[in-house]
PDB file of N, CA and C in Angstrom:
ATOM      1  N   UNK A   1       0.846  -1.176   0.000  1.00  0.00           N
ATOM      2  CA  UNK A   1       0.000   0.000   0.000  1.00  0.00           C
ATOM      3  C   UNK A   1       0.894   1.242   0.000  1.00  0.00           C
ATOM      4  N   UNK A   2       0.691   2.176  -0.947  1.00  0.00           N
ATOM      5  CA  UNK A   2       1.543   3.355  -1.026  1.00  0.00           C
ATOM      6  C   UNK A   2       1.275   4.334   0.123  1.00  0.00           C
ATOM      7  N   UNK A   3       2.285   5.149   0.394  1.00  0.00           N
ATOM      8  CA  UNK A   3       2.152   6.165   1.427  1.00  0.00           C
ATOM      9  C   UNK A   3       1.184   7.235   0.966  1.00  0.00           C
ATOM     10  N   UNK A   4       0.429   7.764   1.908  1.00  0.00           N
ATOM     11  CA  UNK A   4      -0.465   8.869   1.599  1.00  0.00           C
ATOM     12  C   UNK A   4       0.360  10.149   1.593  1.00  0.00           C
ATOM     13  N   UNK A   5       0.354  10.864   0.475  1.00  0.00           N
ATOM     14  CA  UNK A   5       1.094  12.112   0.393  1.00  0.00           C
ATOM     15  C   UNK A   5       0.133  13.240   0.069  1.00  0.00           C
ATOM     16  N   UNK A   6       0.361  14.375   0.702  1.00  0.00           N
ATOM     17  CA  UNK A   6      -0.426  15.565   0.392  1.00  0.00           C
ATOM     18  C   UNK A   6       0.426  16.787   0.695  1.00  0.00           C
ATOM     19  N   UNK A   7       0.136  17.855  -0.011  1.00  0.00           N
ATOM     20  CA  UNK A   7       0.896  19.079   0.206  1.00  0.00           C
ATOM     21  C   UNK A   7       0.271  19.865   1.352  1.00  0.00           C
ATOM     22  N   UNK A   8       1.014  20.799   1.871  1.00  0.00           N
ATOM     23  CA  UNK A   8       0.506  21.655   2.937  1.00  0.00           C
ATOM     24  C   UNK A   8      -0.697  22.439   2.427  1.00  0.00           C
ATOM     25  N   UNK A   9      -0.611  22.901   1.186  1.00  0.00           N
ATOM     26  CA  UNK A   9      -1.707  23.661   0.589  1.00  0.00           C
ATOM     27  C   UNK A   9      -2.984  22.823   0.530  1.00  0.00           C
ATOM     28  N   UNK A  10      -2.860  21.566   0.141  1.00  0.00           N
ATOM     29  CA  UNK A  10      -4.024  20.675   0.079  1.00  0.00           C
ATOM     30  C   UNK A  10      -4.622  20.479   1.464  1.00  0.00           C
ATOM     31  N   UNK A  11      -3.762  20.311   2.462  1.00  0.00           N
ATOM     32  CA  UNK A  11      -4.243  20.119   3.828  1.00  0.00           C
ATOM     33  C   UNK A  11      -4.971  21.360   4.343  1.00  0.00           C
ATOM     34  N   UNK A  12      -4.437  22.538   4.047  1.00  0.00           N
ATOM     35  CA  UNK A  12      -5.092  23.770   4.475  1.00  0.00           C
ATOM     36  C   UNK A  12      -6.465  23.907   3.821  1.00  0.00           C
ATOM     37  N   UNK A  13      -6.527  23.643   2.520  1.00  0.00           N
ATOM     38  CA  UNK A  13      -7.792  23.746   1.798  1.00  0.00           C
ATOM     39  C   UNK A  13      -8.796  22.731   2.335  1.00  0.00           C
ATOM     40  N   UNK A  14      -8.344  21.514   2.558  1.00  0.00           N
ATOM     41  CA  UNK A  14      -9.221  20.472   3.100  1.00  0.00           C
ATOM     42  C   UNK A  14      -9.758  20.883   4.473  1.00  0.00           C
ATOM     43  N   UNK A  15      -8.888  21.461   5.308  1.00  0.00           N
ATOM     44  CA  UNK A  15      -9.277  21.926   6.632  1.00  0.00           C
ATOM     45  C   UNK A  15     -10.391  22.968   6.518  1.00  0.00           C
ATOM     46  N   UNK A  16     -10.177  23.977   5.674  1.00  0.00           N
ATOM     47  CA  UNK A  16     -11.155  25.066   5.530  1.00  0.00           C
ATOM     48  C   UNK A  16     -12.478  24.535   4.996  1.00  0.00           C
ATOM     49  N   UNK A  17     -12.411  23.675   3.986  1.00  0.00           N
ATOM     50  CA  UNK A  17     -13.645  23.144   3.403  1.00  0.00           C
ATOM     51  C   UNK A  17     -14.412  22.285   4.403  1.00  0.00           C
ATOM     52  N   UNK A  18     -13.698  21.500   5.200  1.00  0.00           N
ATOM     53  CA  UNK A  18     -14.365  20.708   6.227  1.00  0.00           C
ATOM     54  C   UNK A  18     -15.028  21.608   7.257  1.00  0.00           C
ATOM     55  N   UNK A  19     -14.378  22.714   7.600  1.00  0.00           N
ATOM     56  CA  UNK A  19     -14.985  23.636   8.565  1.00  0.00           C
ATOM     57  C   UNK A  19     -16.244  24.276   7.968  1.00  0.00           C
ATOM     58  N   UNK A  20     -16.192  24.660   6.704  1.00  0.00           N
ATOM     59  CA  UNK A  20     -17.330  25.309   6.059  1.00  0.00           C
ATOM     60  C   UNK A  20     -18.518  24.367   5.900  1.00  0.00           C
ATOM     61  N   UNK A  21     -18.282  23.054   5.890  1.00  0.00           N
ATOM     62  CA  UNK A  21     -19.377  22.080   5.833  1.00  0.00           C
ATOM     63  C   UNK A  21     -20.135  22.011   7.159  1.00  0.00           C
ATOM     64  N   UNK A  22     -19.550  22.566   8.211  1.00  0.00           N
ATOM     65  CA  UNK A  22     -20.131  22.669   9.552  1.00  0.00           C
ATOM     66  C   UNK A  22     -20.452  21.322  10.193  1.00  0.00           C
ATOM     67  N   UNK A  23     -19.669  20.299   9.837  1.00  0.00           N
ATOM     68  CA  UNK A  23     -19.837  19.004  10.487  1.00  0.00           C
ATOM     69  C   UNK A  23     -18.974  18.906  11.740  1.00  0.00           C
ATOM     70  N   UNK A  24     -17.921  19.723  11.799  1.00  0.00           N
ATOM     71  CA  UNK A  24     -16.989  19.697  12.918  1.00  0.00           C
ATOM     72  C   UNK A  24     -16.851  21.101  13.482  1.00  0.00           C
ATOM     73  N   UNK A  25     -16.594  21.191  14.772  1.00  0.00           N
ATOM     74  CA  UNK A  25     -16.306  22.494  15.368  1.00  0.00           C
ATOM     75  C   UNK A  25     -14.858  22.848  15.055  1.00  0.00           C
ATOM     76  N   UNK A  26     -14.504  24.109  15.248  1.00  0.00           N
ATOM     77  CA  UNK A  26     -13.131  24.538  15.004  1.00  0.00           C
ATOM     78  C   UNK A  26     -12.171  23.774  15.917  1.00  0.00           C
ATOM     79  N   UNK A  27     -12.546  23.592  17.178  1.00  0.00           N
ATOM     80  CA  UNK A  27     -11.679  22.877  18.123  1.00  0.00           C
ATOM     81  C   UNK A  27     -11.439  21.437  17.672  1.00  0.00           C
ATOM     82  N   UNK A  28     -12.488  20.761  17.239  1.00  0.00           N
ATOM     83  CA  UNK A  28     -12.366  19.366  16.806  1.00  0.00           C
ATOM     84  C   UNK A  28     -11.475  19.253  15.562  1.00  0.00           C
ATOM     85  N   UNK A  29     -11.696  20.152  14.602  1.00  0.00           N
ATOM     86  CA  UNK A  29     -10.881  20.106  13.384  1.00  0.00           C
ATOM     87  C   UNK A  29      -9.414  20.393  13.676  1.00  0.00           C
ATOM     88  N   UNK A  30      -9.173  21.393  14.519  1.00  0.00           N
ATOM     89  CA  UNK A  30      -7.785  21.741  14.849  1.00  0.00           C
ATOM     90  C   UNK A  30      -7.094  20.572  15.540  1.00  0.00           C
ATOM     91  N   UNK A  31      -7.809  19.888  16.391  1.00  0.00           N
ATOM     92  CA  UNK A  31      -7.231  18.724  17.072  1.00  0.00           C
ATOM     93  C   UNK A  31      -6.926  17.619  16.059  1.00  0.00           C
ATOM     94  N   UNK A  32      -7.839  17.388  15.117  1.00  0.00           N
ATOM     95  CA  UNK A  32      -7.626  16.359  14.097  1.00  0.00           C
ATOM     96  C   UNK A  32      -6.421  16.674  13.208  1.00  0.00           C
ATOM     97  N   UNK A  33      -6.230  17.962  12.901  1.00  0.00           N
ATOM     98  CA  UNK A  33      -5.132  18.364  12.017  1.00  0.00           C
ATOM     99  C   UNK A  33      -3.845  18.662  12.775  1.00  0.00           C
ATOM    100  N   UNK A  34      -3.918  18.665  14.094  1.00  0.00           N
ATOM    101  CA  UNK A  34      -2.722  18.891  14.897  1.00  0.00           C
ATOM    102  C   UNK A  34      -2.214  20.324  14.843  1.00  0.00           C
ATOM    103  N   UNK A  35      -3.140  21.279  14.790  1.00  0.00           N
ATOM    104  CA  UNK A  35      -2.758  22.689  14.759  1.00  0.00           C
ATOM    105  C   UNK A  35      -3.453  23.430  15.901  1.00  0.00           C
ATOM    106  N   UNK A  36      -2.953  24.608  16.210  1.00  0.00           N
ATOM    107  CA  UNK A  36      -3.576  25.437  17.243  1.00  0.00           C
ATOM    108  C   UNK A  36      -4.857  26.054  16.679  1.00  0.00           C
ATOM    109  N   UNK A  37      -5.813  26.332  17.561  1.00  0.00           N
ATOM    110  CA  UNK A  37      -7.066  26.950  17.106  1.00  0.00           C
ATOM    111  C   UNK A  37      -6.804  28.287  16.429  1.00  0.00           C
ATOM    112  N   UNK A  38      -5.866  29.058  16.972  1.00  0.00           N
ATOM    113  CA  UNK A  38      -5.554  30.358  16.372  1.00  0.00           C
ATOM    114  C   UNK A  38      -5.098  30.179  14.924  1.00  0.00           C
ATOM    115  N   UNK A  39      -4.308  29.147  14.648  1.00  0.00           N
ATOM    116  CA  UNK A  39      -3.865  28.869  13.281  1.00  0.00           C
ATOM    117  C   UNK A  39      -5.057  28.534  12.399  1.00  0.00           C
ATOM    118  N   UNK A  40      -5.981  27.750  12.920  1.00  0.00           N
ATOM    119  CA  UNK A  40      -7.188  27.413  12.170  1.00  0.00           C
ATOM    120  C   UNK A  40      -7.986  28.647  11.800  1.00  0.00           C
ATOM    121  N   UNK A  41      -8.134  29.572  12.746  1.00  0.00           N
ATOM    122  CA  UNK A  41      -8.869  30.804  12.466  1.00  0.00           C
ATOM    123  C   UNK A  41      -8.118  31.688  11.474  1.00  0.00           C
ATOM    124  N   UNK A  42      -6.783  31.698  11.552  1.00  0.00           N
ATOM    125  CA  UNK A  42      -5.991  32.472  10.591  1.00  0.00           C
ATOM    126  C   UNK A  42      -6.222  31.935   9.183  1.00  0.00           C
ATOM    127  N   UNK A  43      -6.160  30.619   9.008  1.00  0.00           N
ATOM    128  CA  UNK A  43      -6.388  30.014   7.694  1.00  0.00           C
ATOM    129  C   UNK A  43      -7.777  30.350   7.179  1.00  0.00           C
ATOM    130  N   UNK A  44      -8.767  30.261   8.057  1.00  0.00           N
ATOM    131  CA  UNK A  44     -10.144  30.530   7.663  1.00  0.00           C
ATOM    132  C   UNK A  44     -10.308  31.990   7.230  1.00  0.00           C
ATOM    133  N   UNK A  45      -9.755  32.925   8.013  1.00  0.00           N
ATOM    134  CA  UNK A  45      -9.852  34.349   7.660  1.00  0.00           C
ATOM    135  C   UNK A  45      -9.169  34.634   6.330  1.00  0.00           C
ATOM    136  N   UNK A  46      -7.999  34.067   6.136  1.00  0.00           N
ATOM    137  CA  UNK A  46      -7.277  34.298   4.877  1.00  0.00           C
ATOM    138  C   UNK A  46      -8.042  33.730   3.693  1.00  0.00           C
ATOM    139  N   UNK A  47      -8.634  32.554   3.870  1.00  0.00           N
ATOM    140  CA  UNK A  47      -9.397  31.936   2.783  1.00  0.00           C
ATOM    141  C   UNK A  47     -10.620  32.785   2.454  1.00  0.00           C
ATOM    142  N   UNK A  48     -11.299  33.275   3.483  1.00  0.00           N
ATOM    143  CA  UNK A  48     -12.492  34.092   3.257  1.00  0.00           C
ATOM    144  C   UNK A  48     -12.144  35.425   2.607  1.00  0.00           C
ATOM    145  N   UNK A  49     -10.992  35.982   2.946  1.00  0.00           N
ATOM    146  CA  UNK A  49     -10.591  37.278   2.405  1.00  0.00           C
ATOM    147  C   UNK A  49      -9.992  37.181   1.004  1.00  0.00           C
ATOM    148  N   UNK A  50      -9.154  36.144   0.752  1.00  0.00           N
ATOM    149  CA  UNK A  50      -8.393  36.084  -0.502  1.00  0.00           C
ATOM    150  C   UNK A  50      -8.606  34.809  -1.298  1.00  0.00           C
ATOM    151  N   UNK A  51      -9.444  33.914  -0.816  1.00  0.00           N
ATOM    152  CA  UNK A  51      -9.663  32.667  -1.529  1.00  0.00           C
ATOM    153  C   UNK A  51      -8.455  31.743  -1.418  1.00  0.00           C
ATOM    154  N   UNK A  52      -8.244  30.956  -2.431  1.00  0.00           N
ATOM    155  CA  UNK A  52      -7.160  29.978  -2.435  1.00  0.00           C
ATOM    156  C   UNK A  52      -5.793  30.644  -2.275  1.00  0.00           C
ATOM    157  N   UNK A  53      -5.634  31.835  -2.828  1.00  0.00           N
ATOM    158  CA  UNK A  53      -4.358  32.560  -2.734  1.00  0.00           C
ATOM    159  C   UNK A  53      -4.001  32.866  -1.280  1.00  0.00           C
ATOM    160  N   UNK A  54      -4.994  33.044  -0.434  1.00  0.00           N
ATOM    161  CA  UNK A  54      -4.758  33.339   0.970  1.00  0.00           C
ATOM    162  C   UNK A  54      -4.147  32.191   1.745  1.00  0.00           C
ATOM    163  N   UNK A  55      -4.238  30.982   1.215  1.00  0.00           N
ATOM    164  CA  UNK A  55      -3.689  29.812   1.902  1.00  0.00           C
ATOM    165  C   UNK A  55      -2.238  29.532   1.528  1.00  0.00           C
ATOM    166  N   UNK A  56      -1.712  30.248   0.551  1.00  0.00           N
ATOM    167  CA  UNK A  56      -0.317  30.045   0.149  1.00  0.00           C
ATOM    168  C   UNK A  56       0.618  30.557   1.237  1.00  0.00           C
ATOM    169  N   UNK A  57       1.807  29.942   1.305  1.00  0.00           N
ATOM    170  CA  UNK A  57       2.813  30.372   2.272  1.00  0.00           C
ATOM    171  C   UNK A  57       3.281  31.774   1.916  1.00  0.00           C
ATOM    172  N   UNK A  58       3.467  32.591   2.925  1.00  0.00           N
ATOM    173  CA  UNK A  58       3.939  33.944   2.718  1.00  0.00           C
ATOM    174  C   UNK A  58       5.387  34.058   3.181  1.00  0.00           C
ATOM    175  N   UNK A  59       6.129  34.925   2.522  1.00  0.00           N
ATOM    176  CA  UNK A  59       7.520  35.146   2.897  1.00  0.00           C
ATOM    177  C   UNK A  59       7.591  35.742   4.297  1.00  0.00           C
ATOM    178  N   UNK A  60       8.528  35.242   5.092  1.00  0.00           N
ATOM    179  CA  UNK A  60       8.726  35.780   6.435  1.00  0.00           C
ATOM    180  C   UNK A  60       9.886  36.764   6.482  1.00  0.00           C
ATOM    181  N   UNK A  61      10.474  37.047   5.333  1.00  0.00           N
ATOM    182  CA  UNK A  61      11.603  37.971   5.272  1.00  0.00           C
ATOM    183  C   UNK A  61      11.128  39.386   5.578  1.00  0.00           C
ATOM    184  N   UNK A  62      11.969  40.161   6.193  1.00  0.00           N
ATOM    185  CA  UNK A  62      11.630  41.537   6.514  1.00  0.00           C
ATOM    186  C   UNK A  62      11.353  42.316   5.228  1.00  0.00           C
ATOM    187  N   UNK A  63      10.349  43.152   5.259  1.00  0.00           N
ATOM    188  CA  UNK A  63       9.996  43.946   4.088  1.00  0.00           C
ATOM    189  C   UNK A  63      10.839  45.216   4.002  1.00  0.00           C
ATOM    190  N   UNK A  64      11.339  45.684   5.160  1.00  0.00           N
ATOM    191  CA  UNK A  64      12.199  46.855   5.163  1.00  0.00           C
ATOM    192  C   UNK A  64      13.178  46.731   6.328  1.00  0.00           C
ATOM    193  N   UNK A  65      14.254  47.465   6.261  1.00  0.00           N
ATOM    194  CA  UNK A  65      15.307  47.411   7.266  1.00  0.00           C
ATOM    195  C   UNK A  65      15.540  48.828   7.783  1.00  0.00           C
ATOM    196  N   UNK A  66      15.009  49.165   8.937  1.00  0.00           N
ATOM    197  CA  UNK A  66      15.059  50.552   9.410  1.00  0.00           C
ATOM    198  C   UNK A  66      16.466  51.093   9.653  1.00  0.00           C
ATOM    199  N   UNK A  67      17.437  50.258   9.943  1.00  0.00           N
ATOM    200  CA  UNK A  67      18.791  50.728  10.221  1.00  0.00           C
ATOM    201  C   UNK A  67      19.738  50.583   9.040  1.00  0.00           C
ATOM    202  N   UNK A  68      19.181  50.304   7.874  1.00  0.00           N
ATOM    203  CA  UNK A  68      20.019  50.097   6.693  1.00  0.00           C
ATOM    204  C   UNK A  68      20.662  51.417   6.261  1.00  0.00           C
ATOM    205  N   UNK A  69      21.907  51.328   5.838  1.00  0.00           N
ATOM    206  CA  UNK A  69      22.633  52.492   5.340  1.00  0.00           C
ATOM    207  C   UNK A  69      21.944  53.022   4.087  1.00  0.00           C
ATOM    208  N   UNK A  70      21.868  54.337   3.983  1.00  0.00           N
ATOM    209  CA  UNK A  70      21.240  54.954   2.814  1.00  0.00           C
ATOM    210  C   UNK A  70      21.955  54.500   1.545  1.00  0.00           C
ATOM    211  N   UNK A  71      21.194  54.360   0.472  1.00  0.00           N
ATOM    212  CA  UNK A  71      21.737  53.826  -0.785  1.00  0.00           C
ATOM    213  C   UNK A  71      22.851  54.713  -1.343  1.00  0.00           C
ATOM    214  N   UNK A  72      22.701  56.033  -1.231  1.00  0.00           N
ATOM    215  CA  UNK A  72      23.735  56.934  -1.780  1.00  0.00           C
ATOM    216  C   UNK A  72      25.058  56.787  -1.029  1.00  0.00           C
ATOM    217  N   UNK A  73      24.989  56.583   0.289  1.00  0.00           N
ATOM    218  CA  UNK A  73      26.220  56.387   1.065  1.00  0.00           C
ATOM    219  C   UNK A  73      26.836  55.034   0.734  1.00  0.00           C
ATOM    220  N   UNK A  74      26.001  54.030   0.604  1.00  0.00           N
ATOM    221  CA  UNK A  74      26.492  52.690   0.259  1.00  0.00           C
ATOM    222  C   UNK A  74      27.224  52.707  -1.082  1.00  0.00           C
ATOM    223  N   UNK A  75      26.645  53.383  -2.070  1.00  0.00           N
ATOM    224  CA  UNK A  75      27.278  53.463  -3.392  1.00  0.00           C
ATOM    225  C   UNK A  75      28.607  54.205  -3.323  1.00  0.00           C
ATOM    226  N   UNK A  76      28.639  55.264  -2.509  1.00  0.00           N
ATOM    227  CA  UNK A  76      29.853  56.049  -2.355  1.00  0.00           C
ATOM    228  C   UNK A  76      30.973  55.202  -1.741  1.00  0.00           C
ATOM    229  N   UNK A  77      30.653  54.466  -0.707  1.00  0.00           N
ATOM    230  CA  UNK A  77      31.641  53.624  -0.023  1.00  0.00           C
ATOM    231  C   UNK A  77      32.140  52.518  -0.949  1.00  0.00           C
ATOM    232  N   UNK A  78      31.231  51.894  -1.666  1.00  0.00           N
ATOM    233  CA  UNK A  78      31.638  50.825  -2.586  1.00  0.00           C
ATOM    234  C   UNK A  78      32.532  51.368  -3.702  1.00  0.00           C
ATOM    235  N   UNK A  79      32.225  52.577  -4.175  1.00  0.00           N
ATOM    236  CA  UNK A  79      33.060  53.200  -5.203  1.00  0.00           C
ATOM    237  C   UNK A  79      34.465  53.476  -4.680  1.00  0.00           C
ATOM    238  N   UNK A  80      34.559  53.954  -3.433  1.00  0.00           N
ATOM    239  CA  UNK A  80      35.866  54.209  -2.826  1.00  0.00           C
ATOM    240  C   UNK A  80      36.655  52.917  -2.633  1.00  0.00           C
ATOM    241  N   UNK A  81      35.965  51.858  -2.248  1.00  0.00           N
ATOM    242  CA  UNK A  81      36.658  50.569  -2.057  1.00  0.00           C
ATOM    243  C   UNK A  81      37.264  50.079  -3.364  1.00  0.00           C
ATOM    244  N   UNK A  82      36.512  50.261  -4.452  1.00  0.00           N
ATOM    245  CA  UNK A  82      37.029  49.829  -5.755  1.00  0.00           C
ATOM    246  C   UNK A  82      38.211  50.697  -6.190  1.00  0.00           C
ATOM    247  N   UNK A  83      38.117  51.982  -5.933  1.00  0.00           N
ATOM    248  CA  UNK A  83      39.162  52.916  -6.374  1.00  0.00           C
ATOM    249  C   UNK A  83      40.427  52.817  -5.517  1.00  0.00           C
ATOM    250  N   UNK A  84      40.272  52.458  -4.256  1.00  0.00           N
ATOM    251  CA  UNK A  84      41.404  52.433  -3.327  1.00  0.00           C
ATOM    252  C   UNK A  84      41.424  51.098  -2.571  1.00  0.00           C
ATOM    253  N   UNK A  85      41.896  50.069  -3.239  1.00  0.00           N
ATOM    254  CA  UNK A  85      41.876  48.724  -2.662  1.00  0.00           C
ATOM    255  C   UNK A  85      42.712  48.595  -1.390  1.00  0.00           C
ATOM    256  N   UNK A  86      43.724  49.440  -1.224  1.00  0.00           N
ATOM    257  CA  UNK A  86      44.592  49.320  -0.047  1.00  0.00           C
ATOM    258  C   UNK A  86      44.031  50.037   1.183  1.00  0.00           C
ATOM    259  N   UNK A  87      42.979  50.827   1.006  1.00  0.00           N
ATOM    260  CA  UNK A  87      42.399  51.552   2.133  1.00  0.00           C
ATOM    261  C   UNK A  87      41.642  50.608   3.064  1.00  0.00           C
ATOM    262  N   UNK A  88      41.667  50.949   4.319  1.00  0.00           N
ATOM    263  CA  UNK A  88      40.864  50.235   5.306  1.00  0.00           C
ATOM    264  C   UNK A  88      39.582  51.004   5.578  1.00  0.00           C
ATOM    265  N   UNK A  89      38.832  50.571   6.590  1.00  0.00           N
ATOM    266  CA  UNK A  89      37.550  51.192   6.907  1.00  0.00           C
ATOM    267  C   UNK A  89      37.702  52.644   7.316  1.00  0.00           C
ATOM    268  N   UNK A  90      38.751  52.972   8.102  1.00  0.00           N
ATOM    269  CA  UNK A  90      38.928  54.345   8.596  1.00  0.00           C
ATOM    270  C   UNK A  90      39.172  55.323   7.452  1.00  0.00           C
ATOM    271  N   UNK A  91      40.016  54.962   6.495  1.00  0.00           N
ATOM    272  CA  UNK A  91      40.296  55.845   5.387  1.00  0.00           C
ATOM    273  C   UNK A  91      39.065  56.032   4.505  1.00  0.00           C
ATOM    274  N   UNK A  92      38.338  54.951   4.257  1.00  0.00           N
ATOM    275  CA  UNK A  92      37.138  55.035   3.426  1.00  0.00           C
ATOM    276  C   UNK A  92      36.086  55.900   4.103  1.00  0.00           C
ATOM    277  N   UNK A  93      35.920  55.727   5.399  1.00  0.00           N
ATOM    278  CA  UNK A  93      34.927  56.509   6.147  1.00  0.00           C
ATOM    279  C   UNK A  93      35.293  57.990   6.132  1.00  0.00           C
ATOM    280  N   UNK A  94      36.573  58.310   6.350  1.00  0.00           N
ATOM    281  CA  UNK A  94      37.027  59.697   6.360  1.00  0.00           C
ATOM    282  C   UNK A  94      36.820  60.351   4.983  1.00  0.00           C
ATOM    283  N   UNK A  95      37.129  59.616   3.932  1.00  0.00           N
ATOM    284  CA  UNK A  95      36.995  60.150   2.593  1.00  0.00           C
ATOM    285  C   UNK A  95      35.542  60.301   2.162  1.00  0.00           C
ATOM    286  N   UNK A  96      34.707  59.393   2.619  1.00  0.00           N
ATOM    287  CA  UNK A  96      33.289  59.432   2.250  1.00  0.00           C
ATOM    288  C   UNK A  96      32.533  60.481   3.043  1.00  0.00           C
ATOM    289  N   UNK A  97      33.086  60.876   4.170  1.00  0.00           N
ATOM    290  CA  UNK A  97      32.412  61.865   4.996  1.00  0.00           C
ATOM    291  C   UNK A  97      31.220  61.322   5.741  1.00  0.00           C
ATOM    292  N   UNK A  98      31.256  60.020   6.056  1.00  0.00           N
ATOM    293  CA  UNK A  98      30.120  59.380   6.741  1.00  0.00           C
ATOM    294  C   UNK A  98      30.325  59.318   8.235  1.00  0.00           C
ATOM    295  N   UNK A  99      31.497  59.689   8.747  1.00  0.00           N
ATOM    296  CA  UNK A  99      31.789  59.512  10.153  1.00  0.00           C
ATOM    297  C   UNK A  99      31.703  60.719  10.980  1.00  0.00           C
TER     298      UNK A  99
END
């Protein structure tokens, strides 16, 4: 007998559809699927708001970096590094005027 295989997306969709059939409570379904109730409600809200697209995995990468060096300063420093390979950080910083 072959192993039962399913994707995470299929499991999420199956979970939501079973909940919408109203045969199981949210607590019962979450227990059957081995997830927290809060996760079940998140999946349900996303499905109701965005349909199937809402169940796709979302990137957890930061969307912005508040302490990132400004692009113009970064370009200036990189240009100095290329022009003066023997310089260290102190010389590049002094020449760039970033310190």
